[in-house]
């Protein structure tokens, strides 16, 4: 995983007159990872995020601050999404998140469970501590 420091969203994208500031927090940097990316996005009033069913990923939009509205692409129902609430979009489901004023969002994109189950089993591969590193018994004796 490639991880950047926390900070203000830095890349500015202007689309349809709306401003969106974006910063990549983490990106998949290894072959066997279910999480594709974690992004920090600041949407100005009217700014949007969309989920494309063709991406074949699952998406989580977590509204950190501000307010947004979620429009389900399958039936056009609109739902308010206040701060500290999330929208989870399964694979293949379209959706649109629109900012109602300035809105800060964490976007997590993952491969679907059907793909994750096919990934090889992984386990942490940490080397054994060297002899100069104290063990639990040594620490308790002091």
C-alpha atoms as a PDB file:
ATOM      1  CA  UNK A   1       0.000   0.000   0.000  1.00  0.00           C
ATOM      2  CA  UNK A   2       1.293   3.445  -0.854  1.00  0.00           C
ATOM      3  CA  UNK A   3       0.263   5.881   1.876  1.00  0.00           C
ATOM      4  CA  UNK A   4       0.524   9.670   2.016  1.00  0.00           C
ATOM      5  CA  UNK A   5       0.344  11.933   5.033  1.00  0.00           C
ATOM      6  CA  UNK A   6      -2.980  13.298   6.208  1.00  0.00           C
ATOM      7  CA  UNK A   7      -3.575  16.831   5.085  1.00  0.00           C
ATOM      8  CA  UNK A   8      -5.789  19.031   3.031  1.00  0.00           C
ATOM      9  CA  UNK A   9      -7.030  17.720  -0.293  1.00  0.00           C
ATOM     10  CA  UNK A  10      -4.621  19.191  -2.813  1.00  0.00           C
ATOM     11  CA  UNK A  11      -5.577  18.370  -6.405  1.00  0.00           C
ATOM     12  CA  UNK A  12      -8.261  20.729  -7.668  1.00  0.00           C
ATOM     13  CA  UNK A  13     -10.692  19.435 -10.275  1.00  0.00           C
ATOM     14  CA  UNK A  14     -13.301  21.747 -11.787  1.00  0.00           C
ATOM     15  CA  UNK A  15     -16.156  19.969 -13.555  1.00  0.00           C
ATOM     16  CA  UNK A  16     -19.442  21.547 -14.638  1.00  0.00           C
ATOM     17  CA  UNK A  17     -18.551  24.666 -12.676  1.00  0.00           C
ATOM     18  CA  UNK A  18     -18.159  22.755  -9.371  1.00  0.00           C
ATOM     19  CA  UNK A  19     -14.837  22.550  -7.533  1.00  0.00           C
ATOM     20  CA  UNK A  20     -13.589  19.250  -6.115  1.00  0.00           C
ATOM     21  CA  UNK A  21     -10.340  19.013  -4.118  1.00  0.00           C
ATOM     22  CA  UNK A  22      -8.878  15.527  -3.950  1.00  0.00           C
ATOM     23  CA  UNK A  23      -5.969  13.780  -2.222  1.00  0.00           C
ATOM     24  CA  UNK A  24      -4.995  10.139  -2.414  1.00  0.00           C
ATOM     25  CA  UNK A  25      -4.484   8.790   1.103  1.00  0.00           C
ATOM     26  CA  UNK A  26      -3.584   5.220   0.078  1.00  0.00           C
ATOM     27  CA  UNK A  27      -3.352   3.257  -3.169  1.00  0.00           C
ATOM     28  CA  UNK A  28      -2.951  -0.446  -3.760  1.00  0.00           C
ATOM     29  CA  UNK A  29       0.742  -1.059  -4.223  1.00  0.00           C
ATOM     30  CA  UNK A  30       0.792  -4.819  -3.957  1.00  0.00           C
ATOM     31  CA  UNK A  31      -0.816  -7.551  -6.025  1.00  0.00           C
ATOM     32  CA  UNK A  32      -3.009  -9.185  -3.390  1.00  0.00           C
ATOM     33  CA  UNK A  33      -5.013  -6.404  -1.781  1.00  0.00           C
ATOM     34  CA  UNK A  34      -8.790  -6.079  -1.573  1.00  0.00           C
ATOM     35  CA  UNK A  35      -8.613  -2.305  -1.060  1.00  0.00           C
ATOM     36  CA  UNK A  36      -8.000  -0.417  -4.303  1.00  0.00           C
ATOM     37  CA  UNK A  37      -7.761   3.069  -2.826  1.00  0.00           C
ATOM     38  CA  UNK A  38      -8.633   5.464  -0.049  1.00  0.00           C
ATOM     39  CA  UNK A  39      -9.170   9.069  -1.113  1.00  0.00           C
ATOM     40  CA  UNK A  40      -9.923  12.306   0.705  1.00  0.00           C
ATOM     41  CA  UNK A  41     -12.248  14.536  -1.337  1.00  0.00           C
ATOM     42  CA  UNK A  42     -13.621  17.989  -0.588  1.00  0.00           C
ATOM     43  CA  UNK A  43     -16.660  18.891  -2.691  1.00  0.00           C
ATOM     44  CA  UNK A  44     -17.886  22.440  -3.008  1.00  0.00           C
ATOM     45  CA  UNK A  45     -21.632  23.101  -3.177  1.00  0.00           C
ATOM     46  CA  UNK A  46     -23.085  21.105  -6.067  1.00  0.00           C
ATOM     47  CA  UNK A  47     -19.928  19.027  -6.565  1.00  0.00           C
ATOM     48  CA  UNK A  48     -20.485  15.326  -7.187  1.00  0.00           C
ATOM     49  CA  UNK A  49     -18.932  11.886  -6.910  1.00  0.00           C
ATOM     50  CA  UNK A  50     -20.304   9.076  -9.042  1.00  0.00           C
ATOM     51  CA  UNK A  51     -20.055   5.303  -8.946  1.00  0.00           C
ATOM     52  CA  UNK A  52     -19.773   3.654 -12.329  1.00  0.00           C
ATOM     53  CA  UNK A  53     -21.140   0.076 -12.455  1.00  0.00           C
ATOM     54  CA  UNK A  54     -18.553  -0.721 -15.140  1.00  0.00           C
ATOM     55  CA  UNK A  55     -15.716  -0.227 -12.602  1.00  0.00           C
ATOM     56  CA  UNK A  56     -16.647  -3.573 -10.993  1.00  0.00           C
ATOM     57  CA  UNK A  57     -15.642  -2.329  -7.545  1.00  0.00           C
ATOM     58  CA  UNK A  58     -17.455  -1.668  -4.272  1.00  0.00           C
ATOM     59  CA  UNK A  59     -17.479   1.922  -3.065  1.00  0.00           C
ATOM     60  CA  UNK A  60     -17.911   3.492   0.364  1.00  0.00           C
ATOM     61  CA  UNK A  61     -18.530   7.223   0.682  1.00  0.00           C
ATOM     62  CA  UNK A  62     -18.091   8.421   4.290  1.00  0.00           C
ATOM     63  CA  UNK A  63     -19.161  12.019   4.832  1.00  0.00           C
ATOM     64  CA  UNK A  64     -16.702  13.458   7.360  1.00  0.00           C
ATOM     65  CA  UNK A  65     -18.182  16.957   7.486  1.00  0.00           C
ATOM     66  CA  UNK A  66     -20.919  18.905   5.751  1.00  0.00           C
ATOM     67  CA  UNK A  67     -23.968  17.398   4.108  1.00  0.00           C
ATOM     68  CA  UNK A  68     -24.559  15.500   0.897  1.00  0.00           C
ATOM     69  CA  UNK A  69     -27.415  13.877  -0.981  1.00  0.00           C
ATOM     70  CA  UNK A  70     -27.235  10.386  -2.435  1.00  0.00           C
ATOM     71  CA  UNK A  71     -29.154   9.491  -5.578  1.00  0.00           C
ATOM     72  CA  UNK A  72     -29.539   5.796  -6.259  1.00  0.00           C
ATOM     73  CA  UNK A  73     -28.975   5.298  -9.966  1.00  0.00           C
ATOM     74  CA  UNK A  74     -31.422   2.421 -10.193  1.00  0.00           C
ATOM     75  CA  UNK A  75     -34.592   4.210  -9.027  1.00  0.00           C
ATOM     76  CA  UNK A  76     -33.555   7.899  -8.675  1.00  0.00           C
ATOM     77  CA  UNK A  77     -34.522   7.998  -4.986  1.00  0.00           C
ATOM     78  CA  UNK A  78     -32.699  10.833  -3.167  1.00  0.00           C
ATOM     79  CA  UNK A  79     -31.436  10.318   0.399  1.00  0.00           C
ATOM     80  CA  UNK A  80     -29.798  12.956   2.643  1.00  0.00           C
ATOM     81  CA  UNK A  81     -26.347  11.976   3.931  1.00  0.00           C
ATOM     82  CA  UNK A  82     -25.286  14.076   6.952  1.00  0.00           C
ATOM     83  CA  UNK A  83     -21.792  14.174   8.461  1.00  0.00           C
ATOM     84  CA  UNK A  84     -20.602  10.922  10.048  1.00  0.00           C
ATOM     85  CA  UNK A  85     -22.854   8.817   7.808  1.00  0.00           C
ATOM     86  CA  UNK A  86     -21.839   6.564   4.944  1.00  0.00           C
ATOM     87  CA  UNK A  87     -23.152   5.179   1.681  1.00  0.00           C
ATOM     88  CA  UNK A  88     -22.070   1.685   0.597  1.00  0.00           C
ATOM     89  CA  UNK A  89     -22.466   0.795  -3.066  1.00  0.00           C
ATOM     90  CA  UNK A  90     -22.105  -2.864  -4.018  1.00  0.00           C
ATOM     91  CA  UNK A  91     -20.521  -3.841  -7.311  1.00  0.00           C
ATOM     92  CA  UNK A  92     -22.601  -2.919 -10.330  1.00  0.00           C
ATOM     93  CA  UNK A  93     -24.826  -0.376  -8.546  1.00  0.00           C
ATOM     94  CA  UNK A  94     -24.728   3.169  -9.951  1.00  0.00           C
ATOM     95  CA  UNK A  95     -24.971   6.141  -7.620  1.00  0.00           C
ATOM     96  CA  UNK A  96     -24.315   9.846  -7.299  1.00  0.00           C
ATOM     97  CA  UNK A  97     -23.255  11.790  -4.194  1.00  0.00           C
ATOM     98  CA  UNK A  98     -23.908  15.560  -4.421  1.00  0.00           C
ATOM     99  CA  UNK A  99     -22.588  18.116  -1.946  1.00  0.00           C
ATOM    100  CA  UNK A 100     -25.132  20.366  -0.238  1.00  0.00           C
ATOM    101  CA  UNK A 101     -22.626  23.084   0.647  1.00  0.00           C
ATOM    102  CA  UNK A 102     -18.957  22.253   1.216  1.00  0.00           C
ATOM    103  CA  UNK A 103     -18.647  18.568   2.035  1.00  0.00           C
ATOM    104  CA  UNK A 104     -15.610  16.464   3.065  1.00  0.00           C
ATOM    105  CA  UNK A 105     -15.750  12.797   2.029  1.00  0.00           C
ATOM    106  CA  UNK A 106     -13.506   9.759   2.490  1.00  0.00           C
ATOM    107  CA  UNK A 107     -13.859   7.413  -0.483  1.00  0.00           C
ATOM    108  CA  UNK A 108     -12.875   3.752  -0.042  1.00  0.00           C
ATOM    109  CA  UNK A 109     -12.842   1.564  -3.160  1.00  0.00           C
ATOM    110  CA  UNK A 110     -12.487  -2.231  -2.857  1.00  0.00           C
ATOM    111  CA  UNK A 111     -12.746  -5.274  -5.068  1.00  0.00           C
ATOM    112  CA  UNK A 112     -15.992  -7.209  -4.514  1.00  0.00           C
ATOM    113  CA  UNK A 113     -16.143 -10.243  -2.239  1.00  0.00           C
ATOM    114  CA  UNK A 114     -16.461 -12.560  -5.249  1.00  0.00           C
ATOM    115  CA  UNK A 115     -13.001 -11.414  -6.380  1.00  0.00           C
ATOM    116  CA  UNK A 116     -11.480 -11.225  -2.880  1.00  0.00           C
ATOM    117  CA  UNK A 117     -12.397 -14.872  -2.199  1.00  0.00           C
ATOM    118  CA  UNK A 118     -10.315 -15.932  -5.216  1.00  0.00           C
ATOM    119  CA  UNK A 119      -7.168 -14.152  -4.002  1.00  0.00           C
ATOM    120  CA  UNK A 120      -4.449 -16.375  -2.555  1.00  0.00           C
ATOM    121  CA  UNK A 121      -4.255 -16.699   1.214  1.00  0.00           C
ATOM    122  CA  UNK A 122      -1.816 -14.246   2.715  1.00  0.00           C
ATOM    123  CA  UNK A 123      -0.176 -14.071   6.083  1.00  0.00           C
ATOM    124  CA  UNK A 124       2.182 -11.469   7.460  1.00  0.00           C
ATOM    125  CA  UNK A 125       5.773 -12.432   6.795  1.00  0.00           C
ATOM    126  CA  UNK A 126       7.630 -10.853   9.658  1.00  0.00           C
ATOM    127  CA  UNK A 127      11.068 -12.126  10.433  1.00  0.00           C
ATOM    128  CA  UNK A 128      11.795 -13.470  13.906  1.00  0.00           C
ATOM    129  CA  UNK A 129      13.235 -10.925  16.339  1.00  0.00           C
ATOM    130  CA  UNK A 130      16.987 -10.845  16.694  1.00  0.00           C
ATOM    131  CA  UNK A 131      18.610 -12.011  19.907  1.00  0.00           C
ATOM    132  CA  UNK A 132      19.216  -8.460  21.161  1.00  0.00           C
ATOM    133  CA  UNK A 133      15.467  -7.703  21.255  1.00  0.00           C
ATOM    134  CA  UNK A 134      14.077  -8.466  24.741  1.00  0.00           C
ATOM    135  CA  UNK A 135      11.263 -10.989  24.979  1.00  0.00           C
ATOM    136  CA  UNK A 136       8.253 -10.769  27.325  1.00  0.00           C
ATOM    137  CA  UNK A 137      10.027 -12.642  30.143  1.00  0.00           C
ATOM    138  CA  UNK A 138      13.004 -10.276  30.017  1.00  0.00           C
ATOM    139  CA  UNK A 139      10.747  -7.224  30.135  1.00  0.00           C
ATOM    140  CA  UNK A 140       8.819  -8.539  33.151  1.00  0.00           C
ATOM    141  CA  UNK A 141      12.045  -9.240  35.072  1.00  0.00           C
ATOM    142  CA  UNK A 142      13.000  -5.526  35.053  1.00  0.00           C
END
